[in-house]
Protein backbone atom coordinates (compact mmCIF):
# COMPACT_ATOMS: atom_id res chain seq x y z
CA UNK A 1 -77.85 32.48 -130.45
CA UNK A 2 -76.01 29.34 -129.51
CA UNK A 3 -74.68 29.07 -126.02
CA UNK A 4 -70.98 29.90 -125.89
CA UNK A 5 -68.70 27.34 -124.30
CA UNK A 6 -65.72 27.92 -122.03
CA UNK A 7 -62.56 27.26 -123.96
CA UNK A 8 -59.68 25.22 -122.62
CA UNK A 9 -56.53 27.31 -122.81
CA UNK A 10 -53.28 25.37 -123.29
CA UNK A 11 -54.94 22.12 -122.14
CA UNK A 12 -56.16 23.56 -118.85
CA UNK A 13 -59.72 23.90 -117.67
CA UNK A 14 -61.35 27.35 -117.45
CA UNK A 15 -60.74 27.17 -113.69
CA UNK A 16 -57.07 27.30 -112.89
CA UNK A 17 -55.43 26.34 -109.61
CA UNK A 18 -55.59 29.87 -108.24
CA UNK A 19 -59.39 29.82 -108.32
CA UNK A 20 -59.65 32.39 -111.11
CA UNK A 21 -62.01 31.71 -113.99
CA UNK A 22 -60.96 32.19 -117.62
CA UNK A 23 -64.03 33.78 -119.19
CA UNK A 24 -62.81 33.78 -122.79
CA UNK A 25 -65.57 32.05 -124.70
CA UNK A 26 -65.37 29.93 -127.80
CA UNK A 27 -68.20 30.66 -130.22
CA UNK A 28 -68.54 28.67 -133.47
CA UNK A 29 -67.77 30.69 -136.62
CA UNK A 30 -71.14 29.89 -138.21
CA UNK A 31 -72.97 31.88 -135.52
CA UNK A 32 -72.12 35.10 -137.37
CA UNK A 33 -74.75 34.08 -139.94
CA UNK A 34 -77.43 33.29 -137.33
CA UNK A 35 -80.61 35.39 -137.35
CA UNK A 36 -80.85 35.25 -133.57
CA UNK A 37 -77.93 37.67 -133.33
CA UNK A 38 -80.12 40.30 -135.01
CA UNK A 39 -83.21 39.72 -132.86
CA UNK A 40 -82.00 39.63 -129.27
CA UNK A 41 -81.35 36.82 -126.86
CA UNK A 42 -84.38 37.48 -124.62
CA UNK A 43 -86.69 36.19 -127.37
CA UNK A 44 -84.87 32.84 -127.40
CA UNK A 45 -84.89 32.35 -123.63
CA UNK A 46 -88.49 32.94 -122.62
CA UNK A 47 -89.84 31.19 -119.52
CA UNK A 48 -93.10 30.11 -121.13
CA UNK A 49 -92.91 27.55 -123.96
CA UNK A 50 -96.12 28.68 -125.65
CA UNK A 51 -95.77 32.43 -125.40
CA UNK A 52 -95.36 35.03 -128.14
CA UNK A 53 -91.58 35.29 -127.68
CA UNK A 54 -91.11 31.54 -128.15
CA UNK A 55 -93.25 31.54 -131.28
CA UNK A 56 -91.29 34.52 -132.60
CA UNK A 57 -88.00 32.70 -131.90
CA UNK A 58 -89.16 29.57 -133.71
CA UNK A 59 -90.33 31.63 -136.69
CA UNK A 60 -86.90 33.27 -136.88
CA UNK A 61 -85.22 29.85 -136.71
CA UNK A 62 -87.37 28.62 -139.59
CA UNK A 63 -85.80 31.32 -141.80
CA UNK A 64 -82.26 31.00 -140.41
CA UNK A 65 -79.55 29.77 -142.79
CA UNK A 66 -77.68 27.98 -139.97
CA UNK A 67 -80.69 26.38 -138.25
CA UNK A 68 -79.50 22.80 -138.80
CA UNK A 69 -76.03 23.53 -137.44
CA UNK A 70 -77.56 25.22 -134.41
CA UNK A 71 -79.86 22.26 -133.77
CA UNK A 72 -76.96 19.80 -134.12
CA UNK A 73 -74.97 21.79 -131.57
CA UNK A 74 -77.96 21.91 -129.20
CA UNK A 75 -78.47 18.16 -129.46
CA UNK A 76 -74.88 17.74 -128.28
CA UNK A 77 -75.64 19.66 -125.05
CA UNK A 78 -75.75 17.62 -121.87
CA UNK A 79 -79.45 16.77 -121.63
CA UNK A 80 -79.58 17.54 -117.90
CA UNK A 81 -78.31 21.07 -118.52
CA UNK A 82 -80.49 21.70 -121.57
CA UNK A 83 -83.63 23.05 -119.94
CA UNK A 84 -84.06 26.47 -121.54
CA UNK A 85 -84.01 28.25 -124.85
CA UNK A 86 -84.90 27.83 -128.47
CA UNK A 87 -82.08 26.40 -130.57
CA UNK A 88 -82.47 25.34 -134.19
CA UNK A 89 -86.22 25.93 -133.97
CA UNK A 90 -86.73 23.56 -131.04
CA UNK A 91 -87.46 23.95 -127.36
CA UNK A 92 -86.04 21.74 -124.59
CA UNK A 93 -88.88 19.17 -124.74
CA UNK A 94 -88.54 18.84 -128.51
CA UNK A 95 -84.79 18.35 -128.20
CA UNK A 96 -85.26 15.65 -125.56
CA UNK A 97 -87.62 13.82 -127.94
CA UNK A 98 -85.09 14.15 -130.79
CA UNK A 99 -82.32 12.77 -128.56
CA UNK A 100 -84.48 9.77 -127.61
CA UNK A 101 -85.30 9.16 -131.28
CA UNK A 102 -81.63 9.39 -132.23
CA UNK A 103 -80.66 6.96 -129.43
CA UNK A 104 -83.31 4.47 -130.56
CA UNK A 105 -82.05 4.66 -134.14
CA UNK A 106 -78.48 4.02 -132.97
CA UNK A 107 -79.62 0.95 -131.01
CA UNK A 108 -81.56 -0.38 -134.02
CA UNK A 109 -78.57 0.07 -136.35
């Protein structure tokens, strides 16, 4: 399942001046069609890239109707904070490689 993002409420950050955190999360509408919601998040956030859970997550992504949208969202993550999880059928190392490839294509264009 895609990582939810903190939503800005009325132009303010999730952290207001009083130090309280607004925990209302903004989740894209397309996630309701994602297969990961039916499987369980622990499969998509395994610690070992080659383990059974990771393979199971990638197999689910291969059948998911919103895989491309999920991958596009994951590629928009800040690369330094994108160290865990399977999104759009890719792990963190695969997403880093895709980002590098995309950057090289933008430079060449």
